[in-house]
Amino acid sequence: EFRDYNAHVDVYDPWVDPREARHEYDIEPVAELKPGYYDAMIL
């Protein structure tokens, strides 16, 4: 939904296998968070 708004979306999840996320959902999880970088954060 956010991609439809042309927003840039990062996903962070320490539990997931990045390869599975890429394969199943075309999502590349970030390995670490960038300080002071995001406009919105959703828990």
ModelCIF file with pLDDT and N, C-alpha, C, O atoms, coordinates in Angstrom:
data_MODEL
#
_entry.id   MODEL 
#
_entity.id                         1 
_entity.type                       polymer 
_entity.pdbx_number_of_molecules   1 
#
_entity_poly.entity_id                      1 
_entity_poly.type                           'polypeptide(L)' 
_entity_poly.nstd_linkage                   no 
_entity_poly.nstd_monomer                   no 
_entity_poly.pdbx_seq_one_letter_code       EFRDYNAHVDVYDPWVDPREARHEYDIEPVAELKPGYYDAMIL 
_entity_poly.pdbx_seq_one_letter_code_can   EFRDYNAHVDVYDPWVDPREARHEYDIEPVAELKPGYYDAMIL 
_entity_poly.pdbx_strand_id                 A 
#
loop_
_entity_poly_seq.entity_id 
_entity_poly_seq.num 
_entity_poly_seq.mon_id 
_entity_poly_seq.hetero 
1 1  GLU n 
1 2  PHE n 
1 3  ARG n 
1 4  ASP n 
1 5  TYR n 
1 6  ASN n 
1 7  ALA n 
1 8  HIS n 
1 9  VAL n 
1 10 ASP n 
1 11 VAL n 
1 12 TYR n 
1 13 ASP n 
1 14 PRO n 
1 15 TRP n 
1 16 VAL n 
1 17 ASP n 
1 18 PRO n 
1 19 ARG n 
1 20 GLU n 
1 21 ALA n 
1 22 ARG n 
1 23 HIS n 
1 24 GLU n 
1 25 TYR n 
1 26 ASP n 
1 27 ILE n 
1 28 GLU n 
1 29 PRO n 
1 30 VAL n 
1 31 ALA n 
1 32 GLU n 
1 33 LEU n 
1 34 LYS n 
1 35 PRO n 
1 36 GLY n 
1 37 TYR n 
1 38 TYR n 
1 39 ASP n 
1 40 ALA n 
1 41 MET n 
1 42 ILE n 
1 43 LEU n 
#
_struct_asym.id          A 
_struct_asym.entity_id   1 
#
loop_
_ma_qa_metric.id 
_ma_qa_metric.mode 
_ma_qa_metric.name 
_ma_qa_metric.software_group_id 
_ma_qa_metric.type 
1 global pLDDT . pLDDT 
2 local  pLDDT . pLDDT 
#
_ma_qa_metric_global.metric_id      1 
_ma_qa_metric_global.metric_value   95.47 
_ma_qa_metric_global.model_id       1 
_ma_qa_metric_global.ordinal_id     1 
#
loop_
_ma_qa_metric_local.label_asym_id 
_ma_qa_metric_local.label_comp_id 
_ma_qa_metric_local.label_seq_id 
_ma_qa_metric_local.metric_id 
_ma_qa_metric_local.metric_value 
_ma_qa_metric_local.model_id 
_ma_qa_metric_local.ordinal_id 
A GLU 1  2 97.00 1 1  
A PHE 2  2 97.00 1 2  
A ARG 3  2 96.00 1 3  
A ASP 4  2 96.00 1 4  
A TYR 5  2 96.00 1 5  
A ASN 6  2 96.00 1 6  
A ALA 7  2 97.00 1 7  
A HIS 8  2 97.00 1 8  
A VAL 9  2 97.00 1 9  
A ASP 10 2 97.00 1 10 
A VAL 11 2 97.00 1 11 
A TYR 12 2 97.00 1 12 
A ASP 13 2 97.00 1 13 
A PRO 14 2 96.00 1 14 
A TRP 15 2 95.00 1 15 
A VAL 16 2 94.00 1 16 
A ASP 17 2 93.00 1 17 
A PRO 18 2 94.00 1 18 
A ARG 19 2 93.00 1 19 
A GLU 20 2 93.00 1 20 
A ALA 21 2 95.00 1 21 
A ARG 22 2 95.00 1 22 
A HIS 23 2 93.00 1 23 
A GLU 24 2 92.00 1 24 
A TYR 25 2 94.00 1 25 
A ASP 26 2 94.00 1 26 
A ILE 27 2 95.00 1 27 
A GLU 28 2 95.00 1 28 
A PRO 29 2 96.00 1 29 
A VAL 30 2 96.00 1 30 
A ALA 31 2 93.00 1 31 
A GLU 32 2 92.00 1 32 
A LEU 33 2 94.00 1 33 
A LYS 34 2 92.00 1 34 
A PRO 35 2 95.00 1 35 
A GLY 36 2 96.00 1 36 
A TYR 37 2 97.00 1 37 
A TYR 38 2 98.00 1 38 
A ASP 39 2 98.00 1 39 
A ALA 40 2 98.00 1 40 
A MET 41 2 97.00 1 41 
A ILE 42 2 98.00 1 42 
A LEU 43 2 97.00 1 43 
#
loop_
_atom_site.group_PDB 
_atom_site.id 
_atom_site.type_symbol 
_atom_site.label_atom_id 
_atom_site.label_alt_id 
_atom_site.label_comp_id 
_atom_site.label_asym_id 
_atom_site.label_entity_id 
_atom_site.label_seq_id 
_atom_site.pdbx_PDB_ins_code 
_atom_site.Cartn_x 
_atom_site.Cartn_y 
_atom_site.Cartn_z 
_atom_site.occupancy 
_atom_site.B_iso_or_equiv 
_atom_site.pdbx_formal_charge 
_atom_site.auth_seq_id 
_atom_site.auth_comp_id 
_atom_site.auth_asym_id 
_atom_site.auth_atom_id 
_atom_site.pdbx_PDB_model_num 
ATOM 1   N N  . GLU A 1 1  ? 0.835  -1.199  0.000  1.00 97.00 ? 1  GLU A N  1 
ATOM 2   C CA . GLU A 1 1  ? 0.000  0.000   0.000  1.00 97.00 ? 1  GLU A CA 1 
ATOM 3   C C  . GLU A 1 1  ? 0.875  1.257   0.000  1.00 97.00 ? 1  GLU A C  1 
ATOM 4   O O  . GLU A 1 1  ? 0.585  2.213   -0.719 1.00 97.00 ? 1  GLU A O  1 
ATOM 5   N N  . PHE A 1 2  ? 1.930  1.259   0.792  1.00 97.00 ? 2  PHE A N  1 
ATOM 6   C CA . PHE A 1 2  ? 2.830  2.410   0.810  1.00 97.00 ? 2  PHE A CA 1 
ATOM 7   C C  . PHE A 1 2  ? 3.581  2.551   -0.509 1.00 97.00 ? 2  PHE A C  1 
ATOM 8   O O  . PHE A 1 2  ? 3.840  3.666   -0.963 1.00 97.00 ? 2  PHE A O  1 
ATOM 9   N N  . ARG A 1 3  ? 3.929  1.426   -1.123 1.00 96.00 ? 3  ARG A N  1 
ATOM 10  C CA . ARG A 1 3  ? 4.585  1.489   -2.424 1.00 96.00 ? 3  ARG A CA 1 
ATOM 11  C C  . ARG A 1 3  ? 3.662  2.106   -3.463 1.00 96.00 ? 3  ARG A C  1 
ATOM 12  O O  . ARG A 1 3  ? 4.127  2.784   -4.380 1.00 96.00 ? 3  ARG A O  1 
ATOM 13  N N  . ASP A 1 4  ? 2.365  1.880   -3.332 1.00 96.00 ? 4  ASP A N  1 
ATOM 14  C CA . ASP A 1 4  ? 1.396  2.492   -4.240 1.00 96.00 ? 4  ASP A CA 1 
ATOM 15  C C  . ASP A 1 4  ? 1.383  4.014   -4.090 1.00 96.00 ? 4  ASP A C  1 
ATOM 16  O O  . ASP A 1 4  ? 1.044  4.732   -5.032 1.00 96.00 ? 4  ASP A O  1 
ATOM 17  N N  . TYR A 1 5  ? 1.751  4.500   -2.908 1.00 96.00 ? 5  TYR A N  1 
ATOM 18  C CA . TYR A 1 5  ? 1.885  5.940   -2.675 1.00 96.00 ? 5  TYR A CA 1 
ATOM 19  C C  . TYR A 1 5  ? 3.234  6.470   -3.155 1.00 96.00 ? 5  TYR A C  1 
ATOM 20  O O  . TYR A 1 5  ? 3.527  7.656   -3.002 1.00 96.00 ? 5  TYR A O  1 
ATOM 21  N N  . ASN A 1 6  ? 4.057  5.589   -3.737 1.00 96.00 ? 6  ASN A N  1 
ATOM 22  C CA . ASN A 1 6  ? 5.418  5.933   -4.168 1.00 96.00 ? 6  ASN A CA 1 
ATOM 23  C C  . ASN A 1 6  ? 6.316  6.322   -2.991 1.00 96.00 ? 6  ASN A C  1 
ATOM 24  O O  . ASN A 1 6  ? 7.231  7.133   -3.131 1.00 96.00 ? 6  ASN A O  1 
ATOM 25  N N  . ALA A 1 7  ? 6.035  5.727   -1.835 1.00 97.00 ? 7  ALA A N  1 
ATOM 26  C CA . ALA A 1 7  ? 6.924  5.892   -0.694 1.00 97.00 ? 7  ALA A CA 1 
ATOM 27  C C  . ALA A 1 7  ? 8.027  4.839   -0.766 1.00 97.00 ? 7  ALA A C  1 
ATOM 28  O O  . ALA A 1 7  ? 7.859  3.797   -1.400 1.00 97.00 ? 7  ALA A O  1 
ATOM 29  N N  . HIS A 1 8  ? 9.153  5.115   -0.115 1.00 97.00 ? 8  HIS A N  1 
ATOM 30  C CA . HIS A 1 8  ? 10.256 4.169   -0.037 1.00 97.00 ? 8  HIS A CA 1 
ATOM 31  C C  . HIS A 1 8  ? 10.126 3.391   1.279  1.00 97.00 ? 8  HIS A C  1 
ATOM 32  O O  . HIS A 1 8  ? 10.202 3.975   2.360  1.00 97.00 ? 8  HIS A O  1 
ATOM 33  N N  . VAL A 1 9  ? 9.934  2.097   1.182  1.00 97.00 ? 9  VAL A N  1 
ATOM 34  C CA . VAL A 1 9  ? 9.632  1.292   2.358  1.00 97.00 ? 9  VAL A CA 1 
ATOM 35  C C  . VAL A 1 9  ? 10.801 0.375   2.695  1.00 97.00 ? 9  VAL A C  1 
ATOM 36  O O  . VAL A 1 9  ? 11.266 -0.389  1.849  1.00 97.00 ? 9  VAL A O  1 
ATOM 37  N N  . ASP A 1 10 ? 11.273 0.456   3.936  1.00 97.00 ? 10 ASP A N  1 
ATOM 38  C CA . ASP A 1 10 ? 12.239 -0.488  4.479  1.00 97.00 ? 10 ASP A CA 1 
ATOM 39  C C  . ASP A 1 10 ? 11.521 -1.399  5.475  1.00 97.00 ? 10 ASP A C  1 
ATOM 40  O O  . ASP A 1 10 ? 10.655 -0.957  6.230  1.00 97.00 ? 10 ASP A O  1 
ATOM 41  N N  . VAL A 1 11 ? 11.895 -2.670  5.462  1.00 97.00 ? 11 VAL A N  1 
ATOM 42  C CA . VAL A 1 11 ? 11.358 -3.630  6.409  1.00 97.00 ? 11 VAL A CA 1 
ATOM 43  C C  . VAL A 1 11 ? 12.511 -4.162  7.254  1.00 97.00 ? 11 VAL A C  1 
ATOM 44  O O  . VAL A 1 11 ? 13.537 -4.596  6.729  1.00 97.00 ? 11 VAL A O  1 
ATOM 45  N N  . TYR A 1 12 ? 12.323 -4.121  8.562  1.00 97.00 ? 12 TYR A N  1 
ATOM 46  C CA . TYR A 1 12 ? 13.345 -4.640  9.469  1.00 97.00 ? 12 TYR A CA 1 
ATOM 47  C C  . TYR A 1 12 ? 12.733 -5.728  10.336 1.00 97.00 ? 12 TYR A C  1 
ATOM 48  O O  . TYR A 1 12 ? 11.754 -5.487  11.043 1.00 97.00 ? 12 TYR A O  1 
ATOM 49  N N  . ASP A 1 13 ? 13.304 -6.919  10.284 1.00 97.00 ? 13 ASP A N  1 
ATOM 50  C CA . ASP A 1 13 ? 12.813 -8.030  11.098 1.00 97.00 ? 13 ASP A CA 1 
ATOM 51  C C  . ASP A 1 13 ? 13.972 -8.970  11.401 1.00 97.00 ? 13 ASP A C  1 
ATOM 52  O O  . ASP A 1 13 ? 14.449 -9.670  10.508 1.00 97.00 ? 13 ASP A O  1 
ATOM 53  N N  . PRO A 1 14 ? 14.429 -8.994  12.646 1.00 96.00 ? 14 PRO A N  1 
ATOM 54  C CA . PRO A 1 14 ? 15.574 -9.845  13.000 1.00 96.00 ? 14 PRO A CA 1 
ATOM 55  C C  . PRO A 1 14 ? 15.271 -11.338 12.969 1.00 96.00 ? 14 PRO A C  1 
ATOM 56  O O  . PRO A 1 14 ? 16.187 -12.150 13.099 1.00 96.00 ? 14 PRO A O  1 
ATOM 57  N N  . TRP A 1 15 ? 14.009 -11.714 12.799 1.00 95.00 ? 15 TRP A N  1 
ATOM 58  C CA . TRP A 1 15 ? 13.640 -13.125 12.821 1.00 95.00 ? 15 TRP A CA 1 
ATOM 59  C C  . TRP A 1 15 ? 13.615 -13.764 11.436 1.00 95.00 ? 15 TRP A C  1 
ATOM 60  O O  . TRP A 1 15 ? 13.702 -14.989 11.339 1.00 95.00 ? 15 TRP A O  1 
ATOM 61  N N  . VAL A 1 16 ? 13.504 -13.000 10.382 1.00 94.00 ? 16 VAL A N  1 
ATOM 62  C CA . VAL A 1 16 ? 13.241 -13.591 9.075  1.00 94.00 ? 16 VAL A CA 1 
ATOM 63  C C  . VAL A 1 16 ? 14.521 -13.979 8.347  1.00 94.00 ? 16 VAL A C  1 
ATOM 64  O O  . VAL A 1 16 ? 15.594 -13.425 8.589  1.00 94.00 ? 16 VAL A O  1 
ATOM 65  N N  . ASP A 1 17 ? 14.375 -14.945 7.450  1.00 93.00 ? 17 ASP A N  1 
ATOM 66  C CA . ASP A 1 17 ? 15.425 -15.305 6.512  1.00 93.00 ? 17 ASP A CA 1 
ATOM 67  C C  . ASP A 1 17 ? 15.287 -14.379 5.302  1.00 93.00 ? 17 ASP A C  1 
ATOM 68  O O  . ASP A 1 17 ? 14.284 -14.454 4.591  1.00 93.00 ? 17 ASP A O  1 
ATOM 69  N N  . PRO A 1 18 ? 16.269 -13.508 5.050  1.00 94.00 ? 18 PRO A N  1 
ATOM 70  C CA . PRO A 1 18 ? 16.147 -12.559 3.936  1.00 94.00 ? 18 PRO A CA 1 
ATOM 71  C C  . PRO A 1 18 ? 15.871 -13.231 2.596  1.00 94.00 ? 18 PRO A C  1 
ATOM 72  O O  . PRO A 1 18 ? 15.150 -12.686 1.760  1.00 94.00 ? 18 PRO A O  1 
ATOM 73  N N  . ARG A 1 19 ? 16.440 -14.405 2.394  1.00 93.00 ? 19 ARG A N  1 
ATOM 74  C CA . ARG A 1 19 ? 16.214 -15.118 1.132  1.00 93.00 ? 19 ARG A CA 1 
ATOM 75  C C  . ARG A 1 19 ? 14.751 -15.503 0.964  1.00 93.00 ? 19 ARG A C  1 
ATOM 76  O O  . ARG A 1 19 ? 14.201 -15.408 -0.133 1.00 93.00 ? 19 ARG A O  1 
ATOM 77  N N  . GLU A 1 20 ? 14.124 -15.937 2.048  1.00 93.00 ? 20 GLU A N  1 
ATOM 78  C CA . GLU A 1 20 ? 12.714 -16.298 1.985  1.00 93.00 ? 20 GLU A CA 1 
ATOM 79  C C  . GLU A 1 20 ? 11.848 -15.070 1.737  1.00 93.00 ? 20 GLU A C  1 
ATOM 80  O O  . GLU A 1 20 ? 10.885 -15.135 0.973  1.00 93.00 ? 20 GLU A O  1 
ATOM 81  N N  . ALA A 1 21 ? 12.184 -13.947 2.380  1.00 95.00 ? 21 ALA A N  1 
ATOM 82  C CA . ALA A 1 21 ? 11.434 -12.704 2.175  1.00 95.00 ? 21 ALA A CA 1 
ATOM 83  C C  . ALA A 1 21 ? 11.511 -12.253 0.717  1.00 95.00 ? 21 ALA A C  1 
ATOM 84  O O  . ALA A 1 21 ? 10.518 -11.807 0.142  1.00 95.00 ? 21 ALA A O  1 
ATOM 85  N N  . ARG A 1 22 ? 12.695 -12.373 0.131  1.00 95.00 ? 22 ARG A N  1 
ATOM 86  C CA . ARG A 1 22 ? 12.857 -12.015 -1.283 1.00 95.00 ? 22 ARG A CA 1 
ATOM 87  C C  . ARG A 1 22 ? 12.052 -12.942 -2.174 1.00 95.00 ? 22 ARG A C  1 
ATOM 88  O O  . ARG A 1 22 ? 11.373 -12.491 -3.097 1.00 95.00 ? 22 ARG A O  1 
ATOM 89  N N  . HIS A 1 23 ? 12.127 -14.227 -1.904 1.00 93.00 ? 23 HIS A N  1 
ATOM 90  C CA . HIS A 1 23 ? 11.464 -15.216 -2.751 1.00 93.00 ? 23 HIS A CA 1 
ATOM 91  C C  . HIS A 1 23 ? 9.952  -15.127 -2.673 1.00 93.00 ? 23 HIS A C  1 
ATOM 92  O O  . HIS A 1 23 ? 9.269  -15.194 -3.695 1.00 93.00 ? 23 HIS A O  1 
ATOM 93  N N  . GLU A 1 24 ? 9.422  -14.977 -1.458 1.00 92.00 ? 24 GLU A N  1 
ATOM 94  C CA . GLU A 1 24 ? 7.976  -15.014 -1.266 1.00 92.00 ? 24 GLU A CA 1 
ATOM 95  C C  . GLU A 1 24 ? 7.291  -13.686 -1.568 1.00 92.00 ? 24 GLU A C  1 
ATOM 96  O O  . GLU A 1 24 ? 6.184  -13.663 -2.104 1.00 92.00 ? 24 GLU A O  1 
ATOM 97  N N  . TYR A 1 25 ? 7.952  -12.574 -1.221 1.00 94.00 ? 25 TYR A N  1 
ATOM 98  C CA . TYR A 1 25 ? 7.257  -11.283 -1.282 1.00 94.00 ? 25 TYR A CA 1 
ATOM 99  C C  . TYR A 1 25 ? 8.018  -10.179 -2.001 1.00 94.00 ? 25 TYR A C  1 
ATOM 100 O O  . TYR A 1 25 ? 7.566  -9.034  -2.027 1.00 94.00 ? 25 TYR A O  1 
ATOM 101 N N  . ASP A 1 26 ? 9.171  -10.508 -2.585 1.00 94.00 ? 26 ASP A N  1 
ATOM 102 C CA . ASP A 1 26 ? 9.987  -9.492  -3.246 1.00 94.00 ? 26 ASP A CA 1 
ATOM 103 C C  . ASP A 1 26 ? 10.315 -8.343  -2.293 1.00 94.00 ? 26 ASP A C  1 
ATOM 104 O O  . ASP A 1 26 ? 10.284 -7.173  -2.672 1.00 94.00 ? 26 ASP A O  1 
ATOM 105 N N  . ILE A 1 27 ? 10.624 -8.698  -1.067 1.00 95.00 ? 27 ILE A N  1 
ATOM 106 C CA . ILE A 1 27 ? 11.007 -7.725  -0.045 1.00 95.00 ? 27 ILE A CA 1 
ATOM 107 C C  . ILE A 1 27 ? 12.432 -8.020  0.399  1.00 95.00 ? 27 ILE A C  1 
ATOM 108 O O  . ILE A 1 27 ? 12.774 -9.157  0.723  1.00 95.00 ? 27 ILE A O  1 
ATOM 109 N N  . GLU A 1 28 ? 13.250 -6.988  0.410  1.00 95.00 ? 28 GLU A N  1 
ATOM 110 C CA . GLU A 1 28 ? 14.638 -7.105  0.837  1.00 95.00 ? 28 GLU A CA 1 
ATOM 111 C C  . GLU A 1 28 ? 14.767 -6.456  2.222  1.00 95.00 ? 28 GLU A C  1 
ATOM 112 O O  . GLU A 1 28 ? 14.926 -5.239  2.310  1.00 95.00 ? 28 GLU A O  1 
ATOM 113 N N  . PRO A 1 29 ? 14.703 -7.241  3.302  1.00 96.00 ? 29 PRO A N  1 
ATOM 114 C CA . PRO A 1 29 ? 14.790 -6.633  4.635  1.00 96.00 ? 29 PRO A CA 1 
ATOM 115 C C  . PRO A 1 29 ? 16.131 -5.950  4.862  1.00 96.00 ? 29 PRO A C  1 
ATOM 116 O O  . PRO A 1 29 ? 17.162 -6.409  4.370  1.00 96.00 ? 29 PRO A O  1 
ATOM 117 N N  . VAL A 1 30 ? 16.110 -4.857  5.608  1.00 96.00 ? 30 VAL A N  1 
ATOM 118 C CA . VAL A 1 30 ? 17.353 -4.176  5.951  1.00 96.00 ? 30 VAL A CA 1 
ATOM 119 C C  . VAL A 1 30 ? 17.988 -4.878  7.136  1.00 96.00 ? 30 VAL A C  1 
ATOM 120 O O  . VAL A 1 30 ? 17.301 -5.407  8.010  1.00 96.00 ? 30 VAL A O  1 
ATOM 121 N N  . ALA A 1 31 ? 19.307 -4.870  7.149  1.00 93.00 ? 31 ALA A N  1 
ATOM 122 C CA . ALA A 1 31 ? 20.042 -5.571  8.203  1.00 93.00 ? 31 ALA A CA 1 
ATOM 123 C C  . ALA A 1 31 ? 20.135 -4.761  9.485  1.00 93.00 ? 31 ALA A C  1 
ATOM 124 O O  . ALA A 1 31 ? 20.265 -5.326  10.571 1.00 93.00 ? 31 ALA A O  1 
ATOM 125 N N  . GLU A 1 32 ? 20.068 -3.439  9.365  1.00 92.00 ? 32 GLU A N  1 
ATOM 126 C CA . GLU A 1 32 ? 20.150 -2.566  10.534 1.00 92.00 ? 32 GLU A CA 1 
ATOM 127 C C  . GLU A 1 32 ? 19.407 -1.279  10.250 1.00 92.00 ? 32 GLU A C  1 
ATOM 128 O O  . GLU A 1 32 ? 19.144 -0.937  9.097  1.00 92.00 ? 32 GLU A O  1 
ATOM 129 N N  . LEU A 1 33 ? 19.071 -0.566  11.316 1.00 94.00 ? 33 LEU A N  1 
ATOM 130 C CA . LEU A 1 33 ? 18.306 0.663   11.180 1.00 94.00 ? 33 LEU A CA 1 
ATOM 131 C C  . LEU A 1 33 ? 19.230 1.869   11.037 1.00 94.00 ? 33 LEU A C  1 
ATOM 132 O O  . LEU A 1 33 ? 20.282 1.948   11.671 1.00 94.00 ? 33 LEU A O  1 
ATOM 133 N N  . LYS A 1 34 ? 18.810 2.806   10.187 1.00 92.00 ? 34 LYS A N  1 
ATOM 134 C CA . LYS A 1 34 ? 19.566 4.038   10.007 1.00 92.00 ? 34 LYS A CA 1 
ATOM 135 C C  . LYS A 1 34 ? 19.055 5.082   10.989 1.00 92.00 ? 34 LYS A C  1 
ATOM 136 O O  . LYS A 1 34 ? 17.858 5.369   10.991 1.00 92.00 ? 34 LYS A O  1 
ATOM 137 N N  . PRO A 1 35 ? 19.895 5.648   11.803 1.00 95.00 ? 35 PRO A N  1 
ATOM 138 C CA . PRO A 1 35 ? 19.420 6.645   12.776 1.00 95.00 ? 35 PRO A CA 1 
ATOM 139 C C  . PRO A 1 35 ? 18.941 7.925   12.102 1.00 95.00 ? 35 PRO A C  1 
ATOM 140 O O  . PRO A 1 35 ? 19.567 8.409   11.159 1.00 95.00 ? 35 PRO A O  1 
ATOM 141 N N  . GLY A 1 36 ? 17.835 8.465   12.587 1.00 96.00 ? 36 GLY A N  1 
ATOM 142 C CA . GLY A 1 36 ? 17.306 9.727   12.090 1.00 96.00 ? 36 GLY A CA 1 
ATOM 143 C C  . GLY A 1 36 ? 16.950 9.750   10.624 1.00 96.00 ? 36 GLY A C  1 
ATOM 144 O O  . GLY A 1 36 ? 17.083 10.786  9.973  1.00 96.00 ? 36 GLY A O  1 
ATOM 145 N N  . TYR A 1 37 ? 16.494 8.618   10.085 1.00 97.00 ? 37 TYR A N  1 
ATOM 146 C CA . TYR A 1 37 ? 16.327 8.483   8.642  1.00 97.00 ? 37 TYR A CA 1 
ATOM 147 C C  . TYR A 1 37 ? 14.871 8.476   8.180  1.00 97.00 ? 37 TYR A C  1 
ATOM 148 O O  . TYR A 1 37 ? 14.588 8.915   7.065  1.00 97.00 ? 37 TYR A O  1 
ATOM 149 N N  . TYR A 1 38 ? 13.948 7.994   8.998  1.00 98.00 ? 38 TYR A N  1 
ATOM 150 C CA . TYR A 1 38 ? 12.596 7.683   8.522  1.00 98.00 ? 38 TYR A CA 1 
ATOM 151 C C  . TYR A 1 38 ? 11.576 8.771   8.865  1.00 98.00 ? 38 TYR A C  1 
ATOM 152 O O  . TYR A 1 38 ? 11.656 9.445   9.892  1.00 98.00 ? 38 TYR A O  1 
ATOM 153 N N  . ASP A 1 39 ? 10.598 8.907   7.935  1.00 98.00 ? 39 ASP A N  1 
ATOM 154 C CA . ASP A 1 39 ? 9.500  9.845   8.134  1.00 98.00 ? 39 ASP A CA 1 
ATOM 155 C C  . ASP A 1 39 ? 8.336  9.224   8.918  1.00 98.00 ? 39 ASP A C  1 
ATOM 156 O O  . ASP A 1 39 ? 7.580  9.927   9.588  1.00 98.00 ? 39 ASP A O  1 
ATOM 157 N N  . ALA A 1 40 ? 8.210  7.912   8.824  1.00 98.00 ? 40 ALA A N  1 
ATOM 158 C CA . ALA A 1 40 ? 7.146  7.197   9.535  1.00 98.00 ? 40 ALA A CA 1 
ATOM 159 C C  . ALA A 1 40 ? 7.635  5.811   9.889  1.00 98.00 ? 40 ALA A C  1 
ATOM 160 O O  . ALA A 1 40 ? 8.374  5.186   9.127  1.00 98.00 ? 40 ALA A O  1 
ATOM 161 N N  . MET A 1 41 ? 7.220  5.333   11.048 1.00 97.00 ? 41 MET A N  1 
ATOM 162 C CA . MET A 1 41 ? 7.607  4.006   11.509 1.00 97.00 ? 41 MET A CA 1 
ATOM 163 C C  . MET A 1 41 ? 6.359  3.287   12.007 1.00 97.00 ? 41 MET A C  1 
ATOM 164 O O  . MET A 1 41 ? 5.575  3.833   12.783 1.00 97.00 ? 41 MET A O  1 
ATOM 165 N N  . ILE A 1 42 ? 6.192  2.049   11.544 1.00 98.00 ? 42 ILE A N  1 
ATOM 166 C CA . ILE A 1 42 ? 5.017  1.255   11.907 1.00 98.00 ? 42 ILE A CA 1 
ATOM 167 C C  . ILE A 1 42 ? 5.479  0.005   12.633 1.00 98.00 ? 42 ILE A C  1 
ATOM 168 O O  . ILE A 1 42 ? 6.218  -0.810  12.081 1.00 98.00 ? 42 ILE A O  1 
ATOM 169 N N  . LEU A 1 43 ? 5.047  -0.138  13.858 1.00 97.00 ? 43 LEU A N  1 
ATOM 170 C CA . LEU A 1 43 ? 5.354  -1.321  14.647 1.00 97.00 ? 43 LEU A CA 1 
ATOM 171 C C  . LEU A 1 43 ? 4.312  -2.379  14.311 1.00 97.00 ? 43 LEU A C  1 
ATOM 172 O O  . LEU A 1 43 ? 4.355  -3.483  14.855 1.00 97.00 ? 43 LEU A O  1 
#
